[in-house]
Protein backbone atom coordinates (compact mmCIF):
# COMPACT_ATOMS: atom_id res chain seq x y z
CA MET A 1 152.47 96.53 104.95
CA ASN A 2 151.87 92.94 106.05
CA GLU A 3 150.89 92.10 102.47
CA LEU A 4 154.27 93.42 101.26
CA LEU A 5 156.10 91.35 103.88
CA GLN A 6 154.15 88.28 102.80
CA HIS A 7 154.90 88.98 99.13
CA LEU A 8 158.62 89.22 99.90
CA LYS A 9 158.41 86.18 102.18
CA THR A 10 160.03 88.08 105.01
CA ASP A 11 159.33 89.30 108.54
CA TYR A 12 161.17 92.62 108.30
CA LEU A 13 162.15 95.03 105.53
CA LEU A 14 164.73 97.80 105.90
CA VAL A 15 163.69 100.93 103.98
CA ASN A 16 166.60 103.26 103.25
CA SER A 17 166.83 107.02 102.73
CA THR A 18 169.84 106.67 100.40
CA ASN A 19 169.96 105.88 96.70
CA LYS A 20 172.07 103.22 94.98
CA TYR A 21 175.15 105.45 95.27
CA LEU A 22 174.61 105.59 99.06
CA VAL A 23 174.27 109.37 98.76
CA GLU A 24 173.10 110.99 101.99
CA TYR A 25 171.05 113.77 100.41
CA SER A 26 169.12 111.83 97.80
CA GLU A 27 166.19 113.40 95.98
CA LEU A 28 162.82 112.76 97.61
CA SER A 29 161.58 111.14 94.39
CA GLU A 30 164.09 108.33 94.90
CA ASN A 31 163.96 108.27 98.72
CA ALA A 32 162.03 105.12 99.61
CA ARG A 33 161.91 106.06 103.28
CA TYR A 34 160.15 109.33 102.38
CA THR A 35 157.66 107.50 100.14
CA LEU A 36 156.86 105.11 102.97
CA THR A 37 156.74 107.48 105.94
CA GLY A 38 156.30 111.03 104.60
CA PHE A 39 159.36 112.20 106.56
CA SER A 40 161.53 114.41 104.34
CA GLY A 41 164.71 114.66 106.45
CA SER A 42 168.02 113.87 104.80
CA THR A 43 168.92 110.92 107.05
CA GLY A 44 167.15 108.22 109.03
CA ASP A 45 165.82 104.84 107.89
CA ALA A 46 162.60 102.92 108.47
CA LEU A 47 161.80 99.32 109.33
CA ILE A 48 158.63 97.54 108.23
CA THR A 49 157.64 94.96 110.85
CA PRO A 50 154.60 92.78 111.60
CA LEU A 51 153.75 95.37 114.28
CA GLY A 52 153.89 98.35 111.94
CA VAL A 53 156.37 100.84 110.47
CA PHE A 54 159.14 102.29 112.65
CA LEU A 55 161.03 105.46 111.65
CA PHE A 56 164.42 106.12 113.27
CA VAL A 57 165.57 109.75 113.56
CA ASP A 58 168.34 111.56 115.42
CA GLY A 59 168.05 114.71 117.52
CA ARG A 60 168.03 117.06 114.52
CA TYR A 61 164.72 115.65 113.34
CA HIS A 62 162.63 114.76 116.40
CA THR A 63 160.13 117.59 115.94
CA GLN A 64 160.12 117.40 112.14
CA ALA A 65 159.41 113.66 112.22
CA ASP A 66 156.49 114.19 114.59
CA MET A 67 155.08 116.80 112.19
CA GLU A 68 155.61 114.93 108.91
CA ALA A 69 155.29 111.21 109.64
CA LYS A 70 152.19 109.57 108.20
CA ASP A 71 149.52 108.18 110.49
CA GLY A 72 150.55 104.83 111.90
CA VAL A 73 154.30 105.45 111.61
CA ASN A 74 156.06 104.96 114.93
CA VAL A 75 158.83 107.55 115.41
CA VAL A 76 161.86 106.24 117.31
CA LYS A 77 163.84 109.22 118.62
CA LEU A 78 167.54 108.55 118.95
CA SER A 79 169.71 110.52 121.34
CA ILE A 80 173.10 112.03 120.46
CA GLY A 81 175.61 109.22 119.92
CA GLN A 82 172.97 106.47 119.87
CA SER A 83 173.39 103.95 117.05
CA GLN A 84 170.50 103.71 114.61
CA ASP A 85 171.43 100.20 113.52
CA GLU A 86 171.66 98.91 117.09
CA GLU A 87 168.17 100.27 117.72
CA ILE A 88 166.88 98.68 114.50
CA ALA A 89 168.36 95.35 115.57
CA LYS A 90 166.44 95.51 118.86
CA HIS A 91 163.17 95.52 116.90
CA ILE A 92 163.98 92.25 115.08
CA GLU A 93 162.85 89.03 116.76
CA ASN A 94 164.66 85.69 116.98
CA ASN A 95 164.44 83.15 114.15
CA SER A 96 163.05 85.70 111.67
CA THR A 97 163.88 86.79 108.12
CA PHE A 98 165.32 90.29 107.55
CA THR A 99 165.22 91.66 104.00
CA ILE A 100 167.60 94.39 102.82
CA VAL A 101 167.81 96.17 99.45
CA ALA A 102 171.41 95.29 98.60
CA THR A 103 171.90 98.24 96.24
CA LYS A 104 171.07 100.72 99.01
CA VAL A 105 173.17 99.50 101.91
CA SER A 106 176.94 99.40 102.19
CA GLN A 107 178.76 96.10 102.55
CA SER A 108 180.11 97.21 105.94
CA ARG A 109 176.61 98.04 107.18
CA LEU A 110 175.33 94.66 106.02
CA GLU A 111 178.12 92.95 107.92
CA LYS A 112 177.36 95.08 110.99
CA PHE A 113 173.73 93.97 110.93
CA LYS A 114 174.83 90.34 110.66
CA LYS A 115 177.04 90.80 113.71
CA LEU A 116 174.32 92.60 115.69
CA LEU A 117 171.84 89.82 114.93
CA GLU A 118 174.10 86.76 115.03
CA ASP A 119 172.71 85.58 118.40
CA LYS A 120 169.11 85.85 117.17
CA ASN A 121 169.45 83.28 114.37
CA VAL A 122 168.17 85.77 111.81
CA LYS A 123 168.10 84.84 108.13
CA PHE A 124 169.17 87.62 105.77
CA GLN A 125 167.47 88.02 102.40
CA LEU A 126 169.14 90.42 99.93
CA ILE A 127 167.19 91.83 96.99
CA ASP A 128 168.49 93.95 94.10
CA PHE A 129 165.31 95.99 93.58
CA ASP A 130 163.46 98.54 95.70
CA PRO A 131 159.94 97.29 96.55
CA ILE A 132 158.87 100.73 97.82
CA ASN A 133 160.15 102.90 94.96
CA ASN A 134 159.96 100.47 92.07
CA TYR A 135 161.63 102.38 89.25
CA THR A 136 165.01 102.85 87.60
CA GLU A 137 167.14 105.70 88.95
CA GLN A 138 168.71 107.89 86.29
CA HIS A 139 172.05 109.33 87.36
CA ASP A 140 174.58 108.74 84.62
CA SER A 141 176.69 111.86 84.09
CA LYS A 142 176.38 113.38 80.63
CA ASN A 143 177.59 116.94 81.29
CA ILE A 144 181.02 116.46 82.81
CA GLU A 145 183.22 119.54 83.26
CA LYS A 146 186.87 119.69 84.23
CA VAL A 147 187.76 121.93 87.18
CA ASN A 148 190.54 124.48 86.86
CA TYR A 149 192.93 122.96 89.39
CA LEU A 150 194.78 119.69 89.79
CA PRO A 151 193.78 117.09 92.39
CA LYS A 152 196.42 115.31 94.41
CA THR A 153 197.97 112.23 92.82
CA TYR A 154 196.75 108.85 94.07
CA THR A 155 198.49 105.61 93.08
CA PRO A 156 197.10 102.52 94.83
CA THR A 157 199.25 99.52 95.64
CA MET A 158 196.82 97.16 93.91
CA PRO A 159 193.87 97.44 91.49
CA THR A 160 191.21 99.53 93.23
CA TYR A 161 187.49 100.12 92.58
CA ILE A 162 186.27 103.47 93.91
CA THR A 163 182.55 103.97 94.45
CA ASN A 164 182.38 107.07 96.66
CA LEU A 165 181.19 109.85 94.34
CA GLU A 166 183.18 112.60 96.06
CA GLU A 167 186.35 110.53 95.70
CA VAL A 168 185.64 109.76 92.05
CA SER A 169 185.03 113.46 91.38
CA TYR A 170 188.16 114.46 93.26
CA LEU A 171 190.55 112.03 91.59
CA THR A 172 189.27 112.71 88.09
CA GLY A 173 189.19 116.50 88.58
CA ARG A 174 185.72 116.52 87.03
CA ARG A 175 182.27 117.72 88.05
CA ASP A 176 178.69 117.48 86.83
CA PHE A 177 176.63 120.61 87.55
CA SER A 178 173.50 119.40 85.73
CA LYS A 179 171.68 118.07 88.81
CA ASP A 180 170.35 119.96 91.81
CA TYR A 181 172.47 120.35 94.94
CA THR A 182 175.56 118.44 93.80
CA SER A 183 178.67 118.87 91.72
CA LYS A 184 179.61 115.20 91.83
CA VAL A 185 180.31 113.03 88.80
CA TRP A 186 177.85 110.13 88.89
CA GLY A 187 180.11 107.19 88.14
CA LYS A 188 182.61 104.66 89.47
CA LEU A 189 186.38 104.57 88.99
CA PHE A 190 188.86 101.71 88.52
CA ILE A 191 192.59 102.36 88.95
CA ASP A 192 195.27 99.68 88.61
CA GLY A 193 198.32 101.97 88.63
CA LYS A 194 199.49 100.72 85.24
CA ASN A 195 196.84 101.74 82.75
CA PRO A 196 194.78 104.93 82.43
CA PRO A 197 191.95 104.97 85.01
CA LEU A 198 188.57 103.71 83.86
CA LEU A 199 185.58 105.93 84.63
CA PHE A 200 182.31 104.01 84.44
CA ALA A 201 179.47 106.44 83.76
CA SER A 202 176.79 103.73 83.79
CA ASP A 203 175.86 100.83 86.06
CA LYS A 204 175.76 98.42 83.15
CA THR A 205 179.40 98.87 82.12
CA ALA A 206 180.59 98.77 85.74
CA LYS A 207 178.64 95.57 86.39
CA GLU A 208 180.05 93.85 83.28
CA PHE A 209 183.58 94.86 84.22
CA LEU A 210 183.32 93.59 87.81
CA MET A 211 181.77 90.27 86.78
CA ASN A 212 184.51 89.59 84.22
CA TYR A 213 187.54 90.73 86.24
CA GLU A 214 189.53 87.72 87.49
CA GLY A 215 192.10 89.32 89.78
CA GLU A 216 191.88 90.87 93.23
CA ILE A 217 190.15 94.24 93.53
CA GLN A 218 190.63 96.53 96.48
CA VAL A 219 187.43 98.18 97.74
CA ASP A 220 186.22 100.09 100.78
CA LYS A 221 183.30 98.20 102.33
CA ASN A 222 182.09 101.46 103.85
CA SER A 223 181.25 103.00 100.47
CA ILE A 224 180.51 100.11 98.10
CA ASN A 225 176.96 98.81 98.15
CA ALA A 226 176.43 95.16 99.05
CA TYR A 227 175.15 94.27 95.59
CA GLU A 228 178.26 95.51 93.77
CA TYR A 229 180.47 93.90 96.40
CA SER A 230 178.82 90.54 95.64
CA LEU A 231 179.83 90.87 91.96
CA ILE A 232 183.56 91.03 92.72
CA LYS A 233 185.23 87.61 92.58
CA ASN A 234 188.23 88.48 94.75
CA PRO A 235 187.47 91.54 96.89
CA VAL A 236 190.09 92.93 99.27
CA HIS A 237 188.84 95.39 101.86
CA LYS A 238 190.83 98.49 102.69
CA VAL A 239 189.49 101.68 104.22
CA SER A 240 189.80 104.39 101.61
CA GLU A 241 192.91 106.54 101.75
CA ILE A 242 191.31 109.11 99.49
CA LYS A 243 188.98 110.67 102.05
CA GLU A 244 192.01 111.59 104.17
CA LEU A 245 193.92 112.68 101.07
CA LYS A 246 191.21 115.11 99.95
CA SER A 247 190.36 116.25 103.50
CA VAL A 248 193.60 118.26 103.55
CA LYS A 249 193.09 120.86 100.85
CA THR A 250 195.93 122.22 98.74
CA ASP A 251 196.80 125.91 99.04
CA GLU A 252 195.17 126.39 95.64
CA GLU A 253 191.92 124.84 96.87
CA ILE A 254 191.98 127.08 99.96
CA GLU A 255 192.31 130.16 97.74
CA LEU A 256 189.47 128.97 95.51
CA TYR A 257 187.37 128.40 98.61
CA LYS A 258 188.07 131.96 99.77
CA LYS A 259 186.76 133.30 96.46
CA ALA A 260 183.67 131.08 96.70
CA PHE A 261 182.89 132.38 100.17
CA GLU A 262 183.42 135.99 99.07
CA ALA A 263 180.56 135.42 96.64
CA THR A 264 178.51 133.58 99.27
CA ASP A 265 178.94 136.50 101.69
CA LYS A 266 177.64 138.87 99.01
CA ALA A 267 174.55 136.74 98.49
CA ILE A 268 173.85 136.67 102.24
CA SER A 269 174.38 140.42 102.55
CA ALA A 270 171.98 140.99 99.65
CA ILE A 271 169.29 138.77 101.15
CA ARG A 272 169.51 140.59 104.48
CA LYS A 273 168.95 143.90 102.65
CA PHE A 274 166.03 142.33 100.79
CA ILE A 275 164.49 141.36 104.13
CA GLU A 276 165.10 144.81 105.61
CA ASP A 277 163.66 146.67 102.61
CA ASN A 278 160.50 144.64 101.97
CA GLU A 279 157.33 143.80 103.88
CA ASN A 280 155.08 140.74 103.99
CA LEU A 281 157.76 138.36 102.73
CA SER A 282 157.08 134.64 102.98
CA GLU A 283 159.70 131.96 103.55
CA TYR A 284 159.22 131.05 99.89
CA ASP A 285 159.80 134.65 98.74
CA ILE A 286 163.06 134.83 100.66
CA SER A 287 164.21 131.43 99.40
CA GLU A 288 163.51 132.34 95.77
CA GLN A 289 165.32 135.67 96.10
CA LEU A 290 168.26 133.98 97.80
CA HIS A 291 168.61 131.61 94.85
CA LYS A 292 168.66 134.61 92.48
CA GLU A 293 171.34 136.31 94.58
CA PHE A 294 173.58 133.24 94.48
CA LEU A 295 173.31 133.05 90.69
CA LYS A 296 173.92 136.79 90.43
CA TYR A 297 177.25 136.39 92.24
CA GLY A 298 178.50 133.51 90.12
CA ALA A 299 177.09 130.32 91.61
CA LYS A 300 176.45 127.43 89.25
CA LEU A 301 173.84 125.93 91.57
CA LEU A 302 173.00 125.58 95.27
CA SER A 303 175.02 123.07 97.30
CA PHE A 304 171.85 121.97 99.16
CA LYS A 305 168.25 123.05 99.41
CA SER A 306 168.32 126.32 101.32
CA ILE A 307 166.70 126.42 104.74
CA VAL A 308 164.63 129.58 105.22
CA ALA A 309 162.72 129.26 108.49
CA ILE A 310 160.70 131.86 110.39
CA ASN A 311 160.07 131.68 114.15
CA GLN A 312 158.97 128.17 115.26
CA ASN A 313 160.14 126.68 111.97
CA SER A 314 163.69 127.84 112.78
CA ALA A 315 163.67 125.37 115.69
CA LEU A 316 163.67 122.52 113.13
CA ALA A 317 167.38 122.04 112.47
CA HIS A 318 166.83 120.79 108.91
CA TYR A 319 163.54 122.45 107.99
CA SER A 320 163.28 122.67 104.20
CA LYS A 321 159.69 123.59 103.32
CA ALA A 322 160.01 127.37 102.60
CA SER A 323 156.28 127.93 102.97
CA LYS A 324 154.33 130.51 100.98
CA ASP A 325 151.98 130.92 103.94
CA VAL A 326 154.49 131.74 106.70
CA ILE A 327 155.01 135.52 106.56
CA LEU A 328 157.84 137.46 108.20
CA LYS A 329 156.45 140.16 110.49
CA ASN A 330 158.07 142.75 112.76
CA GLY A 331 159.75 141.06 115.69
CA ASP A 332 160.12 137.73 113.86
CA LEU A 333 163.35 135.80 113.51
CA VAL A 334 164.38 134.20 110.23
CA LEU A 335 167.08 131.53 110.06
CA ILE A 336 168.85 131.05 106.72
CA ASP A 337 171.13 128.04 106.17
CA CYS A 338 172.47 127.94 102.62
CA GLY A 339 175.40 127.43 100.28
CA ALA A 340 176.36 127.08 96.65
CA TYR A 341 178.73 125.54 94.13
CA TYR A 342 180.94 127.75 91.99
CA LYS A 343 183.34 126.87 89.18
CA SER A 344 185.71 125.11 91.58
CA GLY A 345 183.00 122.56 92.44
CA LEU A 346 183.53 123.07 96.19
CA ALA A 347 180.48 123.45 98.43
CA THR A 348 179.98 126.54 100.58
CA ASP A 349 177.86 126.44 103.75
CA ILE A 350 176.75 129.24 106.09
CA THR A 351 173.93 129.92 108.57
CA ARG A 352 172.77 133.32 109.77
CA VAL A 353 169.78 134.50 111.81
CA PHE A 354 168.21 137.92 111.20
CA VAL A 355 165.38 139.79 112.89
CA LYS A 356 162.72 141.90 111.23
CA GLY A 357 162.52 145.11 113.23
CA GLU A 358 163.65 144.88 116.84
CA GLY A 359 164.38 141.71 118.76
CA THR A 360 162.90 140.65 122.10
CA ASP A 361 164.93 140.10 125.27
CA LEU A 362 164.58 136.32 124.86
CA GLN A 363 165.71 136.44 121.23
CA LYS A 364 168.74 138.49 122.23
CA LYS A 365 169.61 136.16 125.11
CA VAL A 366 169.45 133.04 122.95
CA TYR A 367 171.26 134.64 120.00
CA THR A 368 174.05 136.06 122.17
CA THR A 369 174.49 132.73 123.98
CA VAL A 370 174.93 130.95 120.64
CA LEU A 371 177.30 133.70 119.48
CA LYS A 372 179.30 133.37 122.72
CA THR A 373 179.59 129.63 122.05
CA PHE A 374 180.78 130.19 118.50
CA LEU A 375 183.42 132.72 119.61
CA ASN A 376 184.80 130.37 122.27
CA CYS A 377 184.84 127.35 119.97
CA TYR A 378 186.34 129.30 117.09
CA ASN A 379 189.13 130.69 119.28
CA SER A 380 189.80 127.46 121.18
CA THR A 381 193.17 125.73 120.95
CA PHE A 382 191.73 122.21 120.96
CA ASN A 383 193.06 119.99 118.23
CA THR A 384 190.14 117.60 117.72
CA GLY A 385 186.52 118.13 116.79
CA TYR A 386 185.47 116.00 119.74
CA GLU A 387 187.02 118.45 122.19
CA ILE A 388 185.54 121.53 120.50
CA ASP A 389 182.11 119.88 120.38
CA SER A 390 182.38 119.13 124.11
CA LEU A 391 183.25 122.79 124.75
CA ALA A 392 180.11 123.87 122.89
CA HIS A 393 177.93 121.53 124.93
CA SER A 394 179.50 122.76 128.17
CA ILE A 395 178.26 126.26 127.33
CA LEU A 396 174.91 125.47 125.73
CA ASP A 397 173.55 122.46 127.61
CA ASN A 398 171.03 123.50 130.27
CA ASN A 399 171.93 127.16 129.78
CA ILE A 400 168.50 128.55 128.85
CA GLU A 401 165.44 126.69 130.07
CA GLY A 402 163.52 125.03 127.26
CA PHE A 403 166.25 125.50 124.66
CA SER A 404 168.53 122.60 123.65
CA PHE A 405 171.55 121.94 121.44
CA SER A 406 170.52 118.80 119.59
CA HIS A 407 173.18 118.20 116.93
CA GLY A 408 176.92 117.99 116.41
CA LEU A 409 178.94 121.18 116.29
CA GLY A 410 180.19 120.80 112.73
CA HIS A 411 181.27 118.72 109.75
CA GLY A 412 183.91 118.66 107.06
CA ILE A 413 183.23 120.41 103.76
CA GLY A 414 184.59 119.96 100.26
CA ILE A 415 183.11 118.49 97.09
CA ASN A 416 180.16 117.48 99.25
CA VAL A 417 178.62 119.84 101.78
CA HIS A 418 179.08 117.12 104.43
CA GLU A 419 182.39 115.28 104.47
CA ALA A 420 184.59 113.56 107.02
CA PRO A 421 187.19 113.84 108.31
CA PRO A 422 187.19 116.19 110.10
CA ALA A 423 184.04 116.06 112.22
CA LEU A 424 183.01 118.08 115.26
CA ASN A 425 180.68 115.79 117.19
CA LYS A 426 180.72 112.74 119.45
CA THR A 427 181.60 110.11 116.84
CA GLU A 428 184.85 108.19 116.68
CA ILE A 429 186.06 110.10 113.63
CA ALA A 430 185.82 113.34 115.64
CA HIS A 431 188.92 112.21 117.53
CA THR A 432 190.93 112.72 114.30
CA GLU A 433 193.42 115.53 114.87
CA PHE A 434 193.08 118.66 112.77
CA LEU A 435 195.73 119.27 110.13
CA ASP A 436 196.50 122.53 108.38
CA ASN A 437 194.24 123.11 105.35
CA MET A 438 191.41 120.93 106.67
CA THR A 439 188.04 122.60 106.04
CA TYR A 440 184.96 122.33 108.29
CA THR A 441 182.03 124.15 109.85
CA ILE A 442 181.51 125.42 113.40
CA GLU A 443 177.76 125.76 113.96
CA PRO A 444 176.39 125.91 117.53
CA GLY A 445 172.66 126.29 118.01
CA LEU A 446 169.81 126.45 120.52
CA TYR A 447 166.25 125.37 119.71
CA ASN A 448 162.82 125.44 121.30
CA PRO A 449 159.96 124.32 119.04
CA GLU A 450 157.47 126.52 120.91
CA TYR A 451 159.49 129.67 120.21
CA PHE A 452 162.37 129.62 117.69
CA GLY A 453 165.85 128.36 116.99
CA VAL A 454 169.19 130.11 116.51
CA ARG A 455 172.14 128.56 114.66
CA LEU A 456 175.27 130.48 113.66
CA GLU A 457 177.51 128.65 111.21
CA ASN A 458 180.88 129.69 109.83
CA SER A 459 182.83 127.49 107.44
CA CYS A 460 186.49 127.46 108.46
CA TYR A 461 189.92 126.15 107.61
CA ARG A 462 192.93 125.28 109.75
CA LYS A 463 196.14 127.31 109.41
CA ASN A 464 199.17 127.16 111.70
CA GLY A 465 197.10 125.27 114.24
CA LYS A 466 194.33 127.89 114.39
CA ASN A 467 190.76 128.09 113.13
CA CYS A 468 190.37 130.62 110.31
CA SER A 469 186.98 131.64 108.94
CA PHE A 470 186.18 131.63 105.24
CA VAL A 471 183.00 133.48 106.17
CA LYS A 472 183.58 137.20 106.67
CA ILE A 473 180.01 138.48 106.86
CA GLY A 474 179.26 139.29 110.47
CA PHE A 475 176.43 138.89 112.93
CA GLU A 476 173.08 140.55 113.54
CA GLY A 477 173.79 143.59 115.72
CA LYS A 478 170.12 144.00 116.66
CA LEU A 479 170.29 140.64 118.46
CA ILE A 480 173.55 141.00 120.40
CA ASP A 481 173.36 141.69 124.13
CA TYR A 482 176.90 142.82 124.88
CA SER A 483 176.33 142.51 128.63
CA LEU A 484 176.34 138.73 128.15
CA LEU A 485 179.78 138.78 126.48
CA THR A 486 183.07 138.99 128.38
CA GLU A 487 185.72 141.53 127.40
CA GLN A 488 187.66 138.74 125.69
CA GLU A 489 184.61 137.63 123.72
CA GLN A 490 183.96 141.21 122.61
CA LEU A 491 187.56 141.43 121.39
CA TRP A 492 187.13 138.19 119.45
CA LEU A 493 183.93 139.55 117.90
CA LYS A 494 185.88 142.42 116.29
CA GLU A 495 187.18 139.98 113.68
CA PHE A 496 183.68 139.99 112.18
CA GLU A 497 181.49 142.77 110.84
CA ILE A 498 178.43 143.67 112.93
CA LEU A 499 175.42 144.07 110.68
C-alpha cells in the first residue's frame, strides 16, 4: 500500500464503497473498498495510511467485518450515532496530503472533510479515476420502461441538475429493470422549467452539457459527486426538494404498494412451507427457492440480495453469503430478509424468522421480546422516527444478557429499498415528523454471534396519524411465548396471522 501512496504522491487515500452515482448498494465488482479489504457489507469506507489500511464499520457489521477483512486490515468499529468521517479525520496527521476519488464522494462530504481537517493544514488532492478498481463502470440505461402511474409535478424556480437516481427515476416516471437489485434509471436530469427536461443516459453527454452551460445551475451538494460539481461554472446549492416530495406517496402509489406486498407475502408463505416440507436444506437452497417464488408471484427482480441466515449467521445483520454448506437442521432458526420489485418499480422489504421443528426456551424468549418490541413500536403514537427508535431501545437494550440491538429501527422505502425521510434511528433526519402516506420499515432485532439473531421487519405506511402495515403475513407461532406478552400486546397481535 505504501507503493500506491508513493505513486499517487499522497499520505492518505480514501477508498469508497460507493460507485460514481454514489449508490449505497453498489455491486461488489465495482466496490473498491471490497476489493481492498475483502469486506462485503453495503456501507463503510476504508483509509489507506502509512501505518496500514483502516476499515470503518457501524454496529450492523462489527462481526461480519472481523470475519471477512483481509489480514492486515484494521477494523474500526463505530458505535450507534458515531460519525465515520470524524473518525477518519482523526487518523490523518497534520501537514499531510489526503487523496479522494472525486467521482465517488459527494461535494458536501468533500466540504465536510475540509472543515474537519482545516486545523491540521491538510492538502487535498482530487483524482477522477479509481486507483483500486481501475476500470470503466457500465451503467447507462438501455432498457427504460414507463411505470403505470404519474409522479408528482416538480417545477424548480431555476435551472436544476438532478443526480440522485431515485429522484431522476421518480420525476421521469421511468425504470430500468435490467440490472440486479434496482429499478432505477441510470442517468442524470436537467430541468429549467421552460423546455422539456433533458435526461442524460451517459456520462459523456452530461459532462459536455455541464461544461458548456453558461448560466447558474441549482444542485444538491449532498447527491452530486465532487467531480461533476467542479464542471459547473455557476453552481447554486439547494437541498433537494424532491426527496421530501416523493417521500409522501400518492394514494395510487399506496394502493400499488399494497398489491406488491400481497405478492411478497405469498412468496414468504411459500418459502416457509418449503422449509417445513423439506429436509437438509442449505442457506443457498432456500435463497434459490425464494427467488423462484418471487418470480412466480409477479416480481420483475429482487430489490436487494436476499439474506438467508441460519443460526449464528442470523446474528450478522447484513449477512449475504447464502452458503451451500450451512444446513438447516431440527431446532435451527433461519432468518430471511428479502424484497422485490414489481411493475410499479417500488421496493418491498420484509424480515421473518422461522424455526425448523420446535424452538428452544432461549429462542422463544428472544423472538417474543423482539415481537413485543415490534408491537409496541407499531402501536405507538409517537410522531417521529427518533421517538419510536428510542422506545425500541428502551425495551431491547440490556434486556437479555449477551443479546444486543445494534442498528436503527427502520428506514424509508420507495424506489430504493432505503430512502429518507422518514428514518427511524438516532440521526438528525429521524426528527422529521411523519406525514400521512409516508412509507417506512419497523424492524427491531436482537443478536448474539455465539447463538443467533432475530429481526422482525414490517414495511408500513402512515394513515390518519397511525402506523399501518403493508405486510399481512404473521409471525412464527412456534416461537411465541405468550406469557411474556401483556394482554394489550396479545390484542395487538391479533391484527396479524399466527403461522
